[in-house]
Protein backbone atom coordinates (compact mmCIF):
# COMPACT_ATOMS: atom_id res chain seq x y z
CA MET A 1 7.00 -26.50 4.17
CA LYS A 2 3.53 -25.50 5.37
CA SER A 3 1.52 -22.96 3.42
CA ALA A 4 1.68 -20.10 5.96
CA PRO A 5 5.50 -19.74 5.84
CA LEU A 6 5.36 -19.92 2.02
CA TYR A 7 2.78 -17.11 1.99
CA ALA A 8 4.88 -15.01 4.35
CA MET A 9 8.04 -15.57 2.29
CA THR A 10 6.22 -14.56 -0.90
CA VAL A 11 5.08 -11.29 0.65
CA LEU A 12 8.39 -10.55 2.38
CA THR A 13 10.53 -11.10 -0.71
CA GLY A 14 8.09 -9.13 -2.86
CA GLY A 15 8.05 -6.20 -0.45
CA LEU A 16 11.55 -5.16 -1.53
CA VAL A 17 11.14 -5.87 -5.25
CA TRP A 18 9.73 -2.44 -6.15
CA PHE A 19 12.51 -0.74 -4.19
CA ALA A 20 15.23 -2.94 -5.70
CA THR A 21 13.92 -2.38 -9.24
CA LYS A 22 14.70 1.33 -8.95
CA PHE A 23 18.40 0.49 -8.94
CA GLN A 24 17.95 -1.34 -12.25
CA LEU A 25 17.10 1.92 -14.01
CA GLY A 26 20.25 3.13 -15.73
CA THR A 27 22.54 2.20 -18.59
CA VAL A 28 21.27 -1.38 -18.95
CA PRO A 29 17.96 -1.72 -20.81
CA LEU A 30 15.30 -3.19 -18.53
CA GLU A 31 14.68 -6.07 -20.94
CA VAL A 32 18.37 -7.00 -20.78
CA SER A 33 18.34 -6.81 -16.97
CA LEU A 34 15.40 -9.22 -17.01
CA ILE A 35 17.41 -11.60 -19.21
CA TYR A 36 20.22 -11.59 -16.65
CA ARG A 37 17.75 -12.00 -13.79
CA PHE A 38 15.59 -14.82 -15.13
CA GLY A 39 18.41 -16.54 -17.01
CA VAL A 40 20.46 -17.03 -13.85
CA ALA A 41 17.39 -17.71 -11.67
CA GLY A 42 16.13 -20.35 -14.11
CA LEU A 43 19.47 -22.14 -14.13
CA LEU A 44 19.63 -22.10 -10.33
CA MET A 45 16.11 -23.53 -10.09
CA VAL A 46 16.86 -26.27 -12.64
CA GLY A 47 19.93 -27.21 -10.61
CA LEU A 48 17.88 -27.30 -7.42
CA ALA A 49 15.16 -29.37 -9.09
CA ALA A 50 17.76 -31.85 -10.34
CA ALA A 51 19.34 -32.07 -6.87
CA LEU A 52 15.91 -32.82 -5.39
CA GLY A 53 15.31 -35.55 -7.96
CA HIS A 54 12.42 -33.86 -9.76
CA PRO A 55 11.68 -35.01 -13.34
CA LEU A 56 13.13 -32.76 -16.02
CA LYS A 57 12.08 -34.60 -19.20
CA PHE A 58 8.61 -33.93 -20.57
CA SER A 59 6.51 -34.45 -23.67
CA VAL A 60 6.22 -31.87 -26.44
CA ALA A 61 2.73 -30.98 -25.21
CA VAL A 62 4.04 -30.21 -21.71
CA HIS A 63 6.88 -28.12 -23.14
CA ALA A 64 4.29 -26.18 -25.14
CA SER A 65 2.45 -25.39 -21.89
CA LEU A 66 5.73 -24.46 -20.19
CA THR A 67 6.59 -22.15 -23.11
CA LEU A 68 3.18 -20.50 -22.88
CA PHE A 69 3.65 -20.14 -19.12
CA GLY A 70 7.02 -18.45 -19.63
CA ALA A 71 5.70 -16.23 -22.41
CA LEU A 72 2.82 -15.01 -20.24
CA VAL A 73 4.55 -14.50 -16.89
CA PHE A 74 8.25 -13.92 -17.52
CA ALA A 75 8.19 -12.26 -20.95
CA GLY A 76 4.96 -10.51 -21.97
CA ASN A 77 3.97 -9.57 -18.41
CA PHE A 78 7.28 -7.87 -17.65
CA VAL A 79 7.66 -6.16 -21.03
CA LEU A 80 4.26 -4.51 -20.63
CA LEU A 81 4.78 -3.82 -16.93
CA TYR A 82 8.10 -2.05 -17.42
CA ALA A 83 6.68 -0.11 -20.36
CA ALA A 84 3.87 1.11 -18.08
CA ILE A 85 6.30 2.06 -15.29
CA GLN A 86 7.98 4.52 -17.69
CA ASN A 87 4.86 6.73 -17.63
CA LEU A 88 3.05 5.87 -14.39
CA THR A 89 3.93 6.08 -10.72
CA SER A 90 4.93 2.78 -9.14
CA ALA A 91 1.98 3.22 -6.74
CA LEU A 92 -0.57 3.25 -9.55
CA VAL A 93 1.13 0.31 -11.27
CA ALA A 94 1.02 -1.62 -7.98
CA ILE A 95 -2.70 -0.94 -7.60
CA ILE A 96 -3.44 -1.99 -11.18
CA PHE A 97 -1.34 -5.13 -10.80
CA SER A 98 -3.20 -5.98 -7.60
CA THR A 99 -6.36 -6.45 -9.64
CA SER A 100 -4.86 -9.86 -10.43
CA VAL A 101 -6.68 -11.04 -7.31
CA LEU A 102 -9.99 -10.37 -9.08
CA MET A 103 -8.75 -11.65 -12.44
CA ASN A 104 -7.60 -14.89 -10.84
CA ILE A 105 -11.04 -15.41 -9.33
CA VAL A 106 -12.70 -14.94 -12.73
CA PHE A 107 -10.13 -16.96 -14.71
CA SER A 108 -10.25 -19.78 -12.15
CA ALA A 109 -14.00 -19.98 -12.62
CA VAL A 110 -13.76 -19.89 -16.42
CA PHE A 111 -10.76 -22.16 -17.03
CA LEU A 112 -10.63 -24.33 -13.90
CA GLY A 113 -14.34 -24.59 -13.14
CA ARG A 114 -13.99 -23.22 -9.61
CA GLU A 115 -16.95 -21.70 -7.82
CA ILE A 116 -16.84 -17.95 -7.21
CA GLU A 117 -17.50 -17.32 -3.51
CA ILE A 118 -18.92 -14.02 -2.26
CA ARG A 119 -16.49 -13.92 0.67
CA MET A 120 -13.60 -14.14 -1.77
CA ILE A 121 -14.91 -11.17 -3.75
CA VAL A 122 -15.45 -9.21 -0.52
CA GLY A 123 -11.90 -9.90 0.66
CA ALA A 124 -10.44 -8.87 -2.70
CA LEU A 125 -12.45 -5.64 -2.80
CA LEU A 126 -11.45 -4.78 0.77
CA GLY A 127 -7.81 -5.10 -0.20
CA LEU A 128 -8.14 -3.07 -3.39
CA CYS A 129 -10.07 -0.31 -1.58
CA GLY A 130 -7.33 -0.30 1.03
CA LEU A 131 -4.68 0.20 -1.65
CA VAL A 132 -6.65 3.09 -3.15
CA LEU A 133 -6.74 4.74 0.28
CA VAL A 134 -3.03 4.16 0.82
CA PHE A 135 -2.07 5.72 -2.50
CA HIS A 136 -4.92 8.21 -2.85
CA ARG A 137 -2.60 11.21 -3.16
CA GLU A 138 -0.68 9.65 -6.03
CA LEU A 139 -3.94 8.74 -7.75
CA LEU A 140 -5.23 12.32 -7.52
CA GLU A 141 -2.08 13.51 -9.29
CA VAL A 142 -2.46 11.13 -12.22
CA ASP A 143 -2.80 12.90 -15.56
CA LEU A 144 -4.90 10.74 -17.84
CA GLY A 145 -3.33 12.03 -21.03
CA ASN A 146 -2.86 9.85 -24.08
CA VAL A 147 0.53 8.55 -22.95
CA ARG A 148 -0.64 7.65 -19.47
CA THR A 149 -3.86 6.12 -20.75
CA LEU A 150 -1.75 3.81 -22.91
CA ALA A 151 0.42 3.02 -19.89
CA ILE A 152 -2.65 2.10 -17.84
CA LEU A 153 -3.76 -0.26 -20.62
CA GLN A 154 -0.25 -1.75 -20.68
CA ALA A 155 -0.36 -2.33 -16.90
CA LEU A 156 -3.79 -3.96 -17.20
CA GLY A 157 -2.50 -6.12 -20.05
CA ALA A 158 0.50 -7.18 -17.96
CA THR A 159 -1.81 -8.10 -15.09
CA MET A 160 -4.05 -10.15 -17.36
CA LEU A 161 -1.07 -12.06 -18.79
CA PHE A 162 0.23 -12.72 -15.27
CA SER A 163 -3.17 -14.01 -14.14
CA LEU A 164 -3.50 -16.28 -17.16
CA GLY A 165 -0.03 -17.59 -16.32
CA ASN A 166 -1.31 -18.42 -12.84
CA ILE A 167 -3.97 -20.63 -14.42
CA ILE A 168 -1.34 -22.42 -16.55
CA SER A 169 0.71 -23.00 -13.39
CA ALA A 170 -2.31 -24.48 -11.61
CA ARG A 171 -2.96 -26.84 -14.54
CA LEU A 172 0.67 -27.93 -14.71
CA GLN A 173 0.68 -28.73 -11.01
CA ALA A 174 -2.59 -30.62 -11.43
CA GLU A 175 -0.64 -32.75 -13.92
CA ARG A 176 1.92 -33.49 -11.15
CA ILE A 177 4.62 -31.19 -12.49
CA PRO A 178 6.24 -29.55 -9.42
CA ALA A 179 6.02 -25.76 -9.19
CA LEU A 180 9.81 -25.57 -8.86
CA VAL A 181 10.24 -27.35 -12.20
CA SER A 182 7.53 -25.47 -14.10
CA THR A 183 8.81 -22.13 -12.79
CA ALA A 184 12.39 -23.00 -13.78
CA PHE A 185 11.38 -23.96 -17.32
CA GLY A 186 9.04 -20.98 -17.52
CA MET A 187 11.90 -18.65 -16.65
CA GLY A 188 14.09 -20.37 -19.23
CA TYR A 189 11.60 -20.03 -22.05
CA GLY A 190 10.75 -16.50 -20.92
CA THR A 191 14.45 -15.58 -21.05
CA ILE A 192 14.75 -16.87 -24.61
CA LEU A 193 11.72 -14.84 -25.70
CA LEU A 194 13.05 -11.74 -23.92
CA ALA A 195 16.40 -12.19 -25.69
CA LEU A 196 14.66 -12.35 -29.07
CA TYR A 197 12.63 -9.26 -28.17
CA ALA A 198 15.78 -7.39 -27.13
CA ILE A 199 17.66 -8.37 -30.30
CA VAL A 200 14.79 -7.34 -32.58
CA GLY A 201 14.45 -4.09 -30.64
CA GLY A 202 18.17 -3.35 -30.96
CA LYS A 203 18.75 -3.31 -27.19
CA PRO A 204 22.48 -3.35 -26.28
CA PHE A 205 23.59 -6.27 -24.11
CA VAL A 206 25.66 -4.24 -21.65
CA PHE A 207 26.30 -4.67 -17.94
CA GLU A 208 26.59 -2.07 -15.18
CA THR A 209 29.17 -2.68 -12.46
CA SER A 210 27.87 -0.16 -9.92
CA MET A 211 27.18 -1.56 -6.46
CA GLY A 212 23.51 -0.52 -6.59
CA TYR A 213 22.88 -2.32 -9.87
CA VAL A 214 24.76 -5.49 -8.95
CA LEU A 215 23.28 -5.84 -5.45
CA SER A 216 19.74 -5.16 -6.67
CA LEU A 217 20.20 -7.68 -9.49
CA VAL A 218 21.40 -10.29 -6.99
CA TYR A 219 18.39 -9.60 -4.76
CA LEU A 220 15.93 -9.72 -7.65
CA THR A 221 17.49 -12.95 -8.93
CA ILE A 222 17.77 -14.89 -5.66
CA PHE A 223 15.01 -13.50 -3.49
CA GLY A 224 12.65 -11.88 -5.99
CA SER A 225 12.78 -14.77 -8.50
CA VAL A 226 14.10 -18.07 -7.13
CA ILE A 227 12.46 -17.70 -3.70
CA GLY A 228 9.63 -15.26 -4.48
CA TYR A 229 8.27 -16.95 -7.60
CA GLY A 230 9.12 -20.40 -6.27
CA THR A 231 6.95 -19.86 -3.20
CA TYR A 232 4.23 -18.00 -5.14
CA PHE A 233 3.62 -20.72 -7.70
CA THR A 234 3.93 -23.44 -5.05
CA LEU A 235 1.13 -21.67 -3.16
CA ILE A 236 -1.06 -21.79 -6.27
CA GLY A 237 -0.97 -25.58 -6.05
CA ARG A 238 -1.61 -25.45 -2.30
CA ILE A 239 -4.34 -22.85 -1.79
CA GLY A 240 -5.46 -22.00 -5.32
CA PRO A 241 -4.80 -19.06 -7.69
CA GLU A 242 -7.53 -16.93 -6.09
CA ARG A 243 -6.10 -16.73 -2.59
CA THR A 244 -2.47 -16.77 -3.71
CA ALA A 245 -3.03 -13.65 -5.81
CA TYR A 246 -3.81 -11.68 -2.64
CA THR A 247 -0.05 -11.50 -2.10
CA THR A 248 -0.05 -8.86 -4.87
CA VAL A 249 -2.19 -6.73 -2.54
CA MET A 250 -0.05 -7.42 0.53
CA VAL A 251 3.26 -6.67 -1.19
CA PRO A 252 2.57 -2.93 -1.80
CA ALA A 253 1.41 -2.64 1.81
CA LEU A 254 4.68 -4.13 3.02
CA ALA A 255 6.54 -1.87 0.60
CA LEU A 256 5.22 1.05 2.65
CA ALA A 257 7.35 -0.09 5.57
CA VAL A 258 10.36 -0.24 3.28
CA SER A 259 9.58 3.23 1.96
CA THR A 260 9.16 4.52 5.54
CA VAL A 261 12.66 3.35 6.46
CA PHE A 262 14.56 4.18 3.26
CA GLU A 263 12.55 6.97 1.63
CA GLY A 264 10.99 8.86 4.55
CA PHE A 265 7.39 7.95 3.69
CA THR A 266 4.93 9.85 5.95
CA TRP A 267 1.92 8.00 7.34
CA SER A 268 -1.57 9.53 7.58
CA VAL A 269 -5.00 8.51 8.83
CA ALA A 270 -6.01 7.50 5.30
CA VAL A 271 -2.91 5.34 4.87
CA LEU A 272 -3.47 3.68 8.24
CA ALA A 273 -7.14 3.01 7.37
CA GLY A 274 -6.03 1.58 4.03
CA VAL A 275 -3.59 -0.82 5.68
CA VAL A 276 -6.34 -1.95 8.07
CA LEU A 277 -8.61 -2.70 5.08
CA ILE A 278 -5.80 -4.60 3.34
CA LEU A 279 -5.14 -6.72 6.42
CA GLY A 280 -8.89 -7.27 6.83
CA GLY A 281 -9.20 -8.47 3.24
CA ASN A 282 -6.20 -10.71 3.82
CA ALA A 283 -7.92 -12.28 6.82
CA VAL A 284 -11.13 -12.88 4.86
CA ILE A 285 -9.33 -14.45 1.89
CA LEU A 286 -7.06 -16.73 3.91
CA ALA A 287 -9.70 -17.85 6.40
CA MET A 288 -11.75 -19.39 3.61
CA ARG A 289 -11.83 -23.07 2.87
CA ALA A 290 -9.56 -24.30 0.11
CA PRO A 291 -11.37 -24.44 -3.26
CA ALA A 292 -12.37 -27.86 -4.53
CA GLY A 293 -9.65 -29.36 -6.69
CA ASP A 294 -6.72 -28.02 -4.66
CA GLU A 295 -4.35 -30.35 -2.88
CA ARG A 296 -5.86 -29.16 0.41
CA GLN A 297 -9.32 -30.61 -0.16
CA ASN A 298 -9.82 -31.31 3.53
CA GLY A 299 -11.14 -27.80 4.07
CA GLU A 300 -8.28 -26.46 6.17
CA VAL A 301 -7.55 -22.76 6.27
CA LEU A 302 -4.06 -21.50 5.55
CA ASP A 303 -1.90 -23.08 8.25
């Protein structure tokens, strides 16, 4: 599949993730819901990888990298992210998480030796400024008390772990390990770590049979994990961690449309201006030449 459809699928599947996650809040601890989600998604991806004939046996060193990848993205990232969501609005968490586009630029330069391009920085800043405009009302209502300050630090920590995981993914793909395989193993190791965390924390392994919980879990497993993360990490190998991370800016923008339909979100001039900035940053980021070292070394833009 070409890169443009993969990019679109990543954004489209992610646009409903925030909305679907709301239905996960209830009797089942969030960590346990993540175990169900990534455990099933990982098994499905392993089965798909096997059906496609991808290699599934690796050295101890590769498994160490896969474990680190899972620990960063599917365990530590989500534990901190969900902890932050308990005390912050989803809008603020989305904005903080969108700084991964800047973190990926910096981490790619430090760990992968990529050149930092001014146009990339400009595109990222346009998108982040757009998000601030979109959610400016929510930001003005934020109370920076001790609890919320800790939550902001947790959200920043989650974003940093996610971005570092992006770098591990890029390195694994550079070693010819398909994104489908690395993501499947990452989810598997992440699930094991989440299970240990839940057991130590005394979280009950219960299941909710309400339609909202089950349907949202199915969506998050199939679309939010198998498809969403599968396309996201495949894009990292195609167009680089820097440009791929811009999907984290586009997803909250798309979530506005979802909120408009299902939650009665009201648009304003500021919100419209913010969306224009986000789309402008998207155009700048994706119109750039592929960074040296990516599979697309011929200089093509996202096709």
